[in-house]
Amino acid sequence: MKSSTELFTECWHTDGPRVLAFARRHVGDDHAHDVVSETFMIAWRRWDKVSEPPIGWLILTAKGVIRNRLRTNRRQSALADRITLLGQVAAPDISDAAIGRHEALTRLAALTEEHREAILLTSWDGLTSEEAAEALGIRAATFRRRLSRARVAIAEGSPPADSYRTPQSAATKETP
C-alpha cells in the first residue's frame, strides 16, 4: 500500500498540469503557478478529505483559491479581454482557420458563465462529466444537461435556454 506522500506525489504529477491549465484560463500565466501551489498546499493539509479521483476536488479548491485572489479585484474583464485571454491559451492558427477560431471564440464568449465553464472544463481541461460536476459542486446529471445546452447554443450561435419551457409557452407558440 502506498504512503500518503507517495499518493500525493503521484497526484502532483498526474493532476498538476490539469490544474495549471485551469488556473491559466482564469488568472493568466503570471498567477497560475501561485494558484496551483496554493491548491496543492491545501490538498496536502487535507489529504485525508480529498476524493478519489482527486481532480474534481483539486479543481473545486483551485476555484476557491482563485475566488479569494479575485475578491480584492472585483471588476471582471470586458468581452474583448476574455476573447484575448482564450486566444492566448489556444494554439496559433493561420488564414481560414483563424476565421473559424475567431467565430468559435466569439460564440464561446457569448455563452453564460455557467455554460462556458461547462464547455471549457470538458474540452480544454479534459474533465469527465462526473469530475466537472464535482468541481462545480453540482450533480452529474445537472452538469450533463448544462453541457448539452451549451453545445446546442454554440452550434446554433444563440444563447442557451436557462430553464425548461413550460407546456403553456409551448402551446401558445404559433405554428407556421
N, C-alpha and C. Protein backbone atom coordinates (compact mmCIF):
# COMPACT_ATOMS: atom_id res chain seq x y z
N MET A 1 0.85 -1.18 0.00
CA MET A 1 0.00 0.00 0.00
C MET A 1 0.89 1.24 0.00
N LYS A 2 0.52 2.22 -0.80
CA LYS A 2 1.33 3.43 -0.94
C LYS A 2 1.08 4.36 0.25
N SER A 3 2.14 5.06 0.62
CA SER A 3 2.01 6.05 1.70
C SER A 3 1.31 7.29 1.15
N SER A 4 0.84 8.14 2.06
CA SER A 4 0.15 9.36 1.63
C SER A 4 1.12 10.28 0.88
N THR A 5 2.39 10.25 1.21
CA THR A 5 3.37 11.06 0.48
C THR A 5 3.50 10.57 -0.95
N GLU A 6 3.54 9.25 -1.14
CA GLU A 6 3.62 8.69 -2.50
C GLU A 6 2.36 8.99 -3.29
N LEU A 7 1.20 8.86 -2.66
CA LEU A 7 -0.06 9.16 -3.34
C LEU A 7 -0.14 10.64 -3.73
N PHE A 8 0.30 11.50 -2.81
CA PHE A 8 0.29 12.94 -3.09
C PHE A 8 1.24 13.27 -4.24
N THR A 9 2.43 12.69 -4.23
CA THR A 9 3.40 12.92 -5.30
C THR A 9 2.85 12.46 -6.64
N GLU A 10 2.20 11.32 -6.65
CA GLU A 10 1.57 10.79 -7.86
C GLU A 10 0.47 11.74 -8.34
N CYS A 11 -0.31 12.25 -7.42
CA CYS A 11 -1.36 13.22 -7.75
C CYS A 11 -0.76 14.48 -8.34
N TRP A 12 0.32 14.97 -7.76
CA TRP A 12 1.00 16.18 -8.25
C TRP A 12 1.42 16.00 -9.72
N HIS A 13 2.02 14.85 -10.02
CA HIS A 13 2.50 14.61 -11.38
C HIS A 13 1.36 14.37 -12.36
N THR A 14 0.30 13.74 -11.91
CA THR A 14 -0.83 13.42 -12.79
C THR A 14 -1.76 14.61 -12.99
N ASP A 15 -2.17 15.23 -11.90
CA ASP A 15 -3.21 16.26 -11.97
C ASP A 15 -2.68 17.69 -11.93
N GLY A 16 -1.43 17.89 -11.56
CA GLY A 16 -0.85 19.23 -11.52
C GLY A 16 -0.98 19.99 -12.83
N PRO A 17 -0.63 19.36 -13.97
CA PRO A 17 -0.75 20.07 -15.25
C PRO A 17 -2.20 20.44 -15.60
N ARG A 18 -3.15 19.61 -15.20
CA ARG A 18 -4.56 19.91 -15.48
C ARG A 18 -5.05 21.08 -14.64
N VAL A 19 -4.62 21.12 -13.38
CA VAL A 19 -4.98 22.25 -12.51
C VAL A 19 -4.31 23.52 -13.03
N LEU A 20 -3.08 23.40 -13.51
CA LEU A 20 -2.37 24.55 -14.07
C LEU A 20 -3.10 25.10 -15.30
N ALA A 21 -3.57 24.23 -16.17
CA ALA A 21 -4.32 24.68 -17.35
C ALA A 21 -5.60 25.40 -16.93
N PHE A 22 -6.27 24.86 -15.92
CA PHE A 22 -7.48 25.50 -15.40
C PHE A 22 -7.14 26.89 -14.85
N ALA A 23 -6.09 26.98 -14.07
CA ALA A 23 -5.70 28.26 -13.46
C ALA A 23 -5.28 29.28 -14.52
N ARG A 24 -4.54 28.84 -15.52
CA ARG A 24 -4.12 29.76 -16.60
C ARG A 24 -5.32 30.40 -17.28
N ARG A 25 -6.34 29.61 -17.48
CA ARG A 25 -7.53 30.11 -18.15
C ARG A 25 -8.23 31.19 -17.34
N HIS A 26 -8.11 31.11 -16.03
CA HIS A 26 -8.83 32.05 -15.16
C HIS A 26 -8.00 33.24 -14.70
N VAL A 27 -6.71 33.06 -14.51
CA VAL A 27 -5.89 34.16 -13.98
C VAL A 27 -4.69 34.49 -14.85
N GLY A 28 -4.48 33.78 -15.95
CA GLY A 28 -3.35 34.05 -16.83
C GLY A 28 -2.08 33.39 -16.33
N ASP A 29 -1.05 33.46 -17.16
CA ASP A 29 0.22 32.80 -16.85
C ASP A 29 0.92 33.36 -15.62
N ASP A 30 0.77 34.67 -15.38
CA ASP A 30 1.51 35.31 -14.28
C ASP A 30 1.15 34.75 -12.91
N HIS A 31 -0.10 34.38 -12.69
CA HIS A 31 -0.54 33.95 -11.36
C HIS A 31 -0.93 32.47 -11.29
N ALA A 32 -0.91 31.79 -12.42
CA ALA A 32 -1.38 30.40 -12.46
C ALA A 32 -0.56 29.48 -11.56
N HIS A 33 0.75 29.64 -11.57
CA HIS A 33 1.59 28.76 -10.75
C HIS A 33 1.34 28.99 -9.26
N ASP A 34 1.07 30.23 -8.89
CA ASP A 34 0.75 30.52 -7.49
C ASP A 34 -0.55 29.82 -7.08
N VAL A 35 -1.54 29.84 -7.96
CA VAL A 35 -2.82 29.18 -7.68
C VAL A 35 -2.61 27.68 -7.52
N VAL A 36 -1.82 27.08 -8.41
CA VAL A 36 -1.56 25.63 -8.33
C VAL A 36 -0.83 25.31 -7.03
N SER A 37 0.17 26.10 -6.68
CA SER A 37 0.92 25.85 -5.44
C SER A 37 0.01 25.92 -4.23
N GLU A 38 -0.82 26.94 -4.17
CA GLU A 38 -1.72 27.08 -3.03
C GLU A 38 -2.76 25.95 -3.00
N THR A 39 -3.24 25.56 -4.18
CA THR A 39 -4.22 24.46 -4.25
C THR A 39 -3.62 23.17 -3.71
N PHE A 40 -2.39 22.86 -4.12
CA PHE A 40 -1.77 21.62 -3.65
C PHE A 40 -1.32 21.72 -2.19
N MET A 41 -1.04 22.91 -1.72
CA MET A 41 -0.73 23.08 -0.29
C MET A 41 -1.98 22.75 0.54
N ILE A 42 -3.13 23.22 0.08
CA ILE A 42 -4.40 22.91 0.76
C ILE A 42 -4.67 21.41 0.68
N ALA A 43 -4.41 20.83 -0.50
CA ALA A 43 -4.63 19.38 -0.68
C ALA A 43 -3.74 18.58 0.28
N TRP A 44 -2.51 19.01 0.46
CA TRP A 44 -1.61 18.30 1.37
C TRP A 44 -2.12 18.35 2.80
N ARG A 45 -2.60 19.53 3.21
CA ARG A 45 -3.13 19.66 4.57
C ARG A 45 -4.37 18.83 4.79
N ARG A 46 -5.17 18.68 3.76
CA ARG A 46 -6.47 17.97 3.88
C ARG A 46 -6.47 16.66 3.10
N TRP A 47 -5.32 16.06 2.92
CA TRP A 47 -5.19 14.89 2.05
C TRP A 47 -6.17 13.78 2.42
N ASP A 48 -6.49 13.63 3.68
CA ASP A 48 -7.43 12.59 4.10
C ASP A 48 -8.86 12.89 3.65
N LYS A 49 -9.17 14.14 3.25
CA LYS A 49 -10.51 14.51 2.80
C LYS A 49 -10.63 14.62 1.28
N VAL A 50 -9.52 14.44 0.57
CA VAL A 50 -9.52 14.56 -0.89
C VAL A 50 -10.17 13.32 -1.48
N SER A 51 -11.13 13.55 -2.40
CA SER A 51 -11.86 12.43 -3.00
C SER A 51 -11.00 11.71 -4.04
N GLU A 52 -11.44 10.55 -4.43
CA GLU A 52 -10.74 9.75 -5.44
C GLU A 52 -11.65 9.60 -6.64
N PRO A 53 -11.29 9.97 -7.85
CA PRO A 53 -10.04 10.61 -8.23
C PRO A 53 -10.00 12.06 -7.75
N PRO A 54 -8.81 12.58 -7.49
CA PRO A 54 -8.70 13.89 -6.85
C PRO A 54 -8.92 15.10 -7.76
N ILE A 55 -9.00 14.95 -9.06
CA ILE A 55 -9.04 16.11 -9.97
C ILE A 55 -10.25 17.00 -9.71
N GLY A 56 -11.40 16.44 -9.47
CA GLY A 56 -12.59 17.27 -9.20
C GLY A 56 -12.41 18.10 -7.94
N TRP A 57 -11.89 17.48 -6.89
CA TRP A 57 -11.64 18.19 -5.64
C TRP A 57 -10.60 19.28 -5.85
N LEU A 58 -9.55 18.98 -6.62
CA LEU A 58 -8.49 19.96 -6.88
C LEU A 58 -9.02 21.16 -7.67
N ILE A 59 -9.83 20.90 -8.68
CA ILE A 59 -10.40 22.00 -9.48
C ILE A 59 -11.31 22.85 -8.61
N LEU A 60 -12.13 22.21 -7.79
CA LEU A 60 -13.01 22.95 -6.88
C LEU A 60 -12.18 23.80 -5.91
N THR A 61 -11.12 23.26 -5.39
CA THR A 61 -10.25 24.00 -4.48
C THR A 61 -9.54 25.15 -5.22
N ALA A 62 -9.09 24.88 -6.44
CA ALA A 62 -8.45 25.94 -7.24
C ALA A 62 -9.43 27.08 -7.51
N LYS A 63 -10.69 26.72 -7.74
CA LYS A 63 -11.71 27.77 -7.93
C LYS A 63 -11.81 28.65 -6.69
N GLY A 64 -11.79 28.04 -5.51
CA GLY A 64 -11.84 28.81 -4.27
C GLY A 64 -10.62 29.70 -4.10
N VAL A 65 -9.45 29.18 -4.44
CA VAL A 65 -8.22 29.97 -4.36
C VAL A 65 -8.31 31.17 -5.30
N ILE A 66 -8.79 30.92 -6.50
CA ILE A 66 -8.92 31.99 -7.48
C ILE A 66 -9.92 33.03 -7.00
N ARG A 67 -11.05 32.57 -6.49
CA ARG A 67 -12.06 33.50 -5.96
C ARG A 67 -11.48 34.37 -4.87
N ASN A 68 -10.71 33.79 -3.98
CA ASN A 68 -10.09 34.57 -2.91
C ASN A 68 -9.13 35.61 -3.47
N ARG A 69 -8.38 35.26 -4.50
CA ARG A 69 -7.45 36.19 -5.11
C ARG A 69 -8.18 37.32 -5.85
N LEU A 70 -9.29 36.98 -6.45
CA LEU A 70 -10.02 37.98 -7.24
C LEU A 70 -10.95 38.85 -6.39
N ARG A 71 -11.17 38.42 -5.16
CA ARG A 71 -12.08 39.18 -4.29
C ARG A 71 -11.61 40.63 -4.13
N THR A 72 -10.31 40.85 -4.11
CA THR A 72 -9.77 42.21 -3.97
C THR A 72 -9.87 42.99 -5.28
N ASN A 73 -10.06 42.31 -6.37
CA ASN A 73 -10.13 42.96 -7.69
C ASN A 73 -11.43 42.52 -8.38
N ARG A 74 -12.59 43.02 -7.92
CA ARG A 74 -13.91 42.56 -8.32
C ARG A 74 -14.26 42.78 -9.80
N ARG A 75 -13.75 43.81 -10.36
CA ARG A 75 -14.12 44.12 -11.74
C ARG A 75 -13.66 43.02 -12.69
N GLN A 76 -14.54 42.50 -13.49
CA GLN A 76 -14.17 41.48 -14.46
C GLN A 76 -13.84 42.12 -15.79
N SER A 77 -13.08 41.42 -16.56
CA SER A 77 -12.67 41.92 -17.88
C SER A 77 -13.86 42.03 -18.81
N ALA A 78 -13.75 42.88 -19.79
CA ALA A 78 -14.79 43.03 -20.82
C ALA A 78 -14.72 41.82 -21.75
N LEU A 79 -15.71 41.67 -22.59
CA LEU A 79 -15.79 40.53 -23.50
C LEU A 79 -14.53 40.43 -24.38
N ALA A 80 -14.03 41.54 -24.82
CA ALA A 80 -12.83 41.53 -25.66
C ALA A 80 -11.63 41.00 -24.89
N ASP A 81 -11.52 41.32 -23.60
CA ASP A 81 -10.42 40.81 -22.79
C ASP A 81 -10.51 39.29 -22.64
N ARG A 82 -11.74 38.79 -22.47
CA ARG A 82 -11.93 37.33 -22.33
C ARG A 82 -11.51 36.61 -23.61
N ILE A 83 -11.89 37.17 -24.77
CA ILE A 83 -11.51 36.55 -26.04
C ILE A 83 -10.00 36.57 -26.19
N THR A 84 -9.36 37.64 -25.76
CA THR A 84 -7.91 37.74 -25.82
C THR A 84 -7.26 36.68 -24.95
N LEU A 85 -7.77 36.51 -23.74
CA LEU A 85 -7.21 35.51 -22.83
C LEU A 85 -7.39 34.11 -23.39
N LEU A 86 -8.56 33.81 -23.92
CA LEU A 86 -8.79 32.50 -24.52
C LEU A 86 -7.89 32.30 -25.73
N GLY A 87 -7.64 33.37 -26.46
CA GLY A 87 -6.75 33.30 -27.61
C GLY A 87 -5.33 32.96 -27.21
N GLN A 88 -4.89 33.39 -26.03
CA GLN A 88 -3.55 33.07 -25.55
C GLN A 88 -3.42 31.58 -25.22
N VAL A 89 -4.51 30.98 -24.77
CA VAL A 89 -4.48 29.57 -24.41
C VAL A 89 -4.51 28.68 -25.64
N ALA A 90 -5.28 29.10 -26.66
CA ALA A 90 -5.44 28.30 -27.87
C ALA A 90 -4.15 28.32 -28.70
N ALA A 91 -3.94 27.28 -29.45
CA ALA A 91 -2.77 27.21 -30.32
C ALA A 91 -2.92 28.19 -31.47
N PRO A 92 -1.81 28.76 -31.95
CA PRO A 92 -1.90 29.72 -33.06
C PRO A 92 -2.41 29.04 -34.33
N ASP A 93 -3.24 29.76 -35.07
CA ASP A 93 -3.80 29.27 -36.31
C ASP A 93 -3.38 30.17 -37.46
N ILE A 94 -3.68 29.74 -38.68
CA ILE A 94 -3.36 30.56 -39.85
C ILE A 94 -4.57 30.68 -40.76
N SER A 95 -4.64 31.74 -41.54
CA SER A 95 -5.62 32.07 -42.57
C SER A 95 -7.06 31.67 -42.27
N ASP A 96 -7.63 30.75 -43.05
CA ASP A 96 -9.05 30.39 -42.91
C ASP A 96 -9.36 29.81 -41.53
N ALA A 97 -8.42 29.08 -40.98
CA ALA A 97 -8.62 28.50 -39.65
C ALA A 97 -8.77 29.61 -38.61
N ALA A 98 -8.09 30.73 -38.82
CA ALA A 98 -8.18 31.85 -37.87
C ALA A 98 -9.59 32.43 -37.85
N ILE A 99 -10.25 32.47 -38.99
CA ILE A 99 -11.62 32.98 -39.05
C ILE A 99 -12.55 32.05 -38.28
N GLY A 100 -12.40 30.74 -38.48
CA GLY A 100 -13.21 29.76 -37.75
C GLY A 100 -12.93 29.80 -36.26
N ARG A 101 -11.67 30.00 -35.90
CA ARG A 101 -11.29 30.10 -34.49
C ARG A 101 -11.92 31.33 -33.85
N HIS A 102 -11.87 32.43 -34.57
CA HIS A 102 -12.47 33.67 -34.05
C HIS A 102 -13.97 33.49 -33.85
N GLU A 103 -14.64 32.85 -34.80
CA GLU A 103 -16.08 32.60 -34.68
C GLU A 103 -16.37 31.71 -33.48
N ALA A 104 -15.56 30.66 -33.30
CA ALA A 104 -15.76 29.76 -32.16
C ALA A 104 -15.56 30.49 -30.84
N LEU A 105 -14.51 31.31 -30.75
CA LEU A 105 -14.25 32.05 -29.52
C LEU A 105 -15.35 33.08 -29.25
N THR A 106 -15.87 33.69 -30.31
CA THR A 106 -16.95 34.65 -30.15
C THR A 106 -18.20 33.96 -29.62
N ARG A 107 -18.53 32.80 -30.18
CA ARG A 107 -19.69 32.05 -29.70
C ARG A 107 -19.48 31.57 -28.27
N LEU A 108 -18.27 31.14 -27.96
CA LEU A 108 -17.95 30.70 -26.61
C LEU A 108 -18.10 31.86 -25.63
N ALA A 109 -17.59 33.01 -25.99
CA ALA A 109 -17.67 34.17 -25.11
C ALA A 109 -19.10 34.66 -24.93
N ALA A 110 -19.98 34.39 -25.89
CA ALA A 110 -21.37 34.82 -25.80
C ALA A 110 -22.19 33.95 -24.85
N LEU A 111 -21.67 32.78 -24.48
CA LEU A 111 -22.39 31.91 -23.55
C LEU A 111 -22.42 32.52 -22.16
N THR A 112 -23.36 32.06 -21.35
CA THR A 112 -23.36 32.46 -19.94
C THR A 112 -22.13 31.86 -19.28
N GLU A 113 -21.73 32.39 -18.15
CA GLU A 113 -20.54 31.89 -17.45
C GLU A 113 -20.68 30.40 -17.14
N GLU A 114 -21.87 29.97 -16.71
CA GLU A 114 -22.08 28.55 -16.36
C GLU A 114 -21.90 27.65 -17.57
N HIS A 115 -22.49 28.05 -18.71
CA HIS A 115 -22.40 27.22 -19.90
C HIS A 115 -20.99 27.23 -20.49
N ARG A 116 -20.34 28.38 -20.47
CA ARG A 116 -18.97 28.47 -20.96
C ARG A 116 -18.06 27.58 -20.11
N GLU A 117 -18.25 27.61 -18.79
CA GLU A 117 -17.42 26.81 -17.89
C GLU A 117 -17.63 25.31 -18.17
N ALA A 118 -18.86 24.91 -18.47
CA ALA A 118 -19.14 23.51 -18.78
C ALA A 118 -18.36 23.06 -20.02
N ILE A 119 -18.38 23.88 -21.05
CA ILE A 119 -17.64 23.56 -22.28
C ILE A 119 -16.14 23.50 -21.99
N LEU A 120 -15.61 24.49 -21.30
CA LEU A 120 -14.17 24.58 -21.07
C LEU A 120 -13.66 23.48 -20.15
N LEU A 121 -14.42 23.11 -19.13
CA LEU A 121 -13.98 22.05 -18.22
C LEU A 121 -13.83 20.72 -18.96
N THR A 122 -14.73 20.44 -19.89
CA THR A 122 -14.66 19.17 -20.61
C THR A 122 -13.71 19.25 -21.81
N SER A 123 -13.76 20.34 -22.57
CA SER A 123 -12.97 20.43 -23.79
C SER A 123 -11.51 20.80 -23.54
N TRP A 124 -11.29 21.87 -22.77
CA TRP A 124 -9.92 22.33 -22.56
C TRP A 124 -9.25 21.64 -21.39
N ASP A 125 -9.96 21.41 -20.31
CA ASP A 125 -9.34 20.82 -19.13
C ASP A 125 -9.42 19.30 -19.14
N GLY A 126 -10.21 18.72 -20.04
CA GLY A 126 -10.27 17.27 -20.20
C GLY A 126 -10.96 16.53 -19.08
N LEU A 127 -11.82 17.19 -18.32
CA LEU A 127 -12.53 16.52 -17.24
C LEU A 127 -13.71 15.73 -17.79
N THR A 128 -14.04 14.63 -17.12
CA THR A 128 -15.25 13.90 -17.44
C THR A 128 -16.43 14.69 -16.87
N SER A 129 -17.63 14.30 -17.26
CA SER A 129 -18.82 14.98 -16.72
C SER A 129 -18.88 14.86 -15.20
N GLU A 130 -18.52 13.70 -14.69
CA GLU A 130 -18.56 13.49 -13.24
C GLU A 130 -17.53 14.37 -12.54
N GLU A 131 -16.31 14.45 -13.09
CA GLU A 131 -15.27 15.27 -12.49
C GLU A 131 -15.63 16.76 -12.54
N ALA A 132 -16.17 17.18 -13.69
CA ALA A 132 -16.55 18.58 -13.83
C ALA A 132 -17.71 18.92 -12.89
N ALA A 133 -18.66 18.00 -12.74
CA ALA A 133 -19.77 18.24 -11.82
C ALA A 133 -19.27 18.40 -10.40
N GLU A 134 -18.31 17.57 -10.01
CA GLU A 134 -17.74 17.69 -8.66
C GLU A 134 -17.02 19.03 -8.51
N ALA A 135 -16.29 19.44 -9.55
CA ALA A 135 -15.57 20.71 -9.50
C ALA A 135 -16.52 21.90 -9.34
N LEU A 136 -17.71 21.78 -9.92
CA LEU A 136 -18.69 22.86 -9.84
C LEU A 136 -19.61 22.72 -8.63
N GLY A 137 -19.54 21.57 -7.97
CA GLY A 137 -20.39 21.36 -6.80
C GLY A 137 -21.83 21.09 -7.15
N ILE A 138 -22.05 20.43 -8.32
CA ILE A 138 -23.42 20.11 -8.75
C ILE A 138 -23.49 18.62 -9.08
N ARG A 139 -24.72 18.14 -9.28
CA ARG A 139 -24.90 16.73 -9.66
C ARG A 139 -24.43 16.51 -11.09
N ALA A 140 -24.00 15.29 -11.38
CA ALA A 140 -23.51 14.95 -12.72
C ALA A 140 -24.60 15.13 -13.77
N ALA A 141 -25.84 14.77 -13.44
CA ALA A 141 -26.95 14.93 -14.39
C ALA A 141 -27.19 16.40 -14.71
N THR A 142 -27.09 17.24 -13.71
CA THR A 142 -27.25 18.68 -13.92
C THR A 142 -26.14 19.19 -14.82
N PHE A 143 -24.92 18.72 -14.59
CA PHE A 143 -23.80 19.16 -15.43
C PHE A 143 -24.00 18.70 -16.86
N ARG A 144 -24.41 17.45 -17.08
CA ARG A 144 -24.61 16.96 -18.44
C ARG A 144 -25.68 17.75 -19.18
N ARG A 145 -26.76 18.14 -18.48
CA ARG A 145 -27.80 18.96 -19.09
C ARG A 145 -27.23 20.34 -19.46
N ARG A 146 -26.45 20.92 -18.57
CA ARG A 146 -25.83 22.23 -18.83
C ARG A 146 -24.88 22.15 -20.03
N LEU A 147 -24.09 21.09 -20.09
CA LEU A 147 -23.14 20.91 -21.19
C LEU A 147 -23.89 20.72 -22.51
N SER A 148 -24.96 19.95 -22.49
CA SER A 148 -25.75 19.73 -23.69
C SER A 148 -26.33 21.04 -24.22
N ARG A 149 -26.89 21.84 -23.33
CA ARG A 149 -27.45 23.13 -23.73
C ARG A 149 -26.37 24.06 -24.27
N ALA A 150 -25.21 24.03 -23.67
CA ALA A 150 -24.11 24.87 -24.14
C ALA A 150 -23.66 24.45 -25.53
N ARG A 151 -23.58 23.15 -25.78
CA ARG A 151 -23.18 22.67 -27.10
C ARG A 151 -24.19 23.06 -28.16
N VAL A 152 -25.48 22.96 -27.84
CA VAL A 152 -26.52 23.37 -28.78
C VAL A 152 -26.40 24.86 -29.07
N ALA A 153 -26.19 25.65 -28.05
CA ALA A 153 -26.07 27.10 -28.21
C ALA A 153 -24.88 27.46 -29.09
N ILE A 154 -23.76 26.77 -28.93
CA ILE A 154 -22.59 27.05 -29.78
C ILE A 154 -22.89 26.65 -31.21
N ALA A 155 -23.52 25.51 -31.41
CA ALA A 155 -23.83 25.06 -32.77
C ALA A 155 -24.81 26.01 -33.47
N GLU A 156 -25.79 26.51 -32.71
CA GLU A 156 -26.79 27.40 -33.30
C GLU A 156 -26.35 28.86 -33.29
N GLY A 157 -25.36 29.19 -32.48
CA GLY A 157 -24.92 30.57 -32.36
C GLY A 157 -25.87 31.44 -31.58
N SER A 158 -26.65 30.82 -30.68
CA SER A 158 -27.60 31.57 -29.86
C SER A 158 -27.37 31.21 -28.40
N PRO A 159 -27.75 32.10 -27.48
CA PRO A 159 -27.58 31.78 -26.06
C PRO A 159 -28.46 30.62 -25.64
N PRO A 160 -27.97 29.77 -24.72
CA PRO A 160 -28.76 28.62 -24.29
C PRO A 160 -29.94 29.03 -23.42
N ALA A 161 -30.97 28.21 -23.47
CA ALA A 161 -32.13 28.43 -22.61
C ALA A 161 -31.73 28.07 -21.19
N ASP A 162 -32.05 28.93 -20.24
CA ASP A 162 -31.67 28.68 -18.86
C ASP A 162 -32.69 27.85 -18.11
N SER A 163 -33.87 27.73 -18.65
CA SER A 163 -34.89 26.95 -17.95
C SER A 163 -35.71 26.18 -18.96
N TYR A 164 -36.43 25.21 -18.46
CA TYR A 164 -37.30 24.44 -19.33
C TYR A 164 -38.47 25.29 -19.79
N ARG A 165 -38.94 25.01 -20.99
CA ARG A 165 -40.10 25.70 -21.49
C ARG A 165 -41.33 25.02 -20.92
N THR A 166 -42.24 25.79 -20.39
CA THR A 166 -43.45 25.21 -19.80
C THR A 166 -44.38 24.75 -20.91
N PRO A 167 -45.26 23.79 -20.63
CA PRO A 167 -46.21 23.34 -21.65
C PRO A 167 -47.06 24.49 -22.18
N GLN A 168 -47.41 25.48 -21.31
CA GLN A 168 -48.21 26.59 -21.76
C GLN A 168 -47.49 27.41 -22.81
N SER A 169 -46.18 27.69 -22.55
CA SER A 169 -45.45 28.50 -23.52
C SER A 169 -45.27 27.74 -24.83
N ALA A 170 -45.16 26.42 -24.77
CA ALA A 170 -45.04 25.63 -25.99
C ALA A 170 -46.37 25.63 -26.74
N ALA A 171 -47.48 25.61 -26.00
CA ALA A 171 -48.79 25.57 -26.62
C ALA A 171 -49.16 26.91 -27.25
N THR A 172 -48.68 28.01 -26.68
CA THR A 172 -49.04 29.32 -27.21
C THR A 172 -48.16 29.74 -28.38
N LYS A 173 -47.09 28.97 -28.62
CA LYS A 173 -46.22 29.29 -29.75
C LYS A 173 -46.98 29.01 -31.04
N GLU A 174 -46.95 29.98 -31.93
CA GLU A 174 -47.67 29.82 -33.19
C GLU A 174 -46.89 28.89 -34.10
N THR A 175 -47.63 28.07 -34.82
CA THR A 175 -47.00 27.17 -35.78
C THR A 175 -47.26 27.69 -37.18
N PRO A 176 -46.27 27.59 -38.06
CA PRO A 176 -46.45 28.11 -39.42
C PRO A 176 -47.39 27.29 -40.25
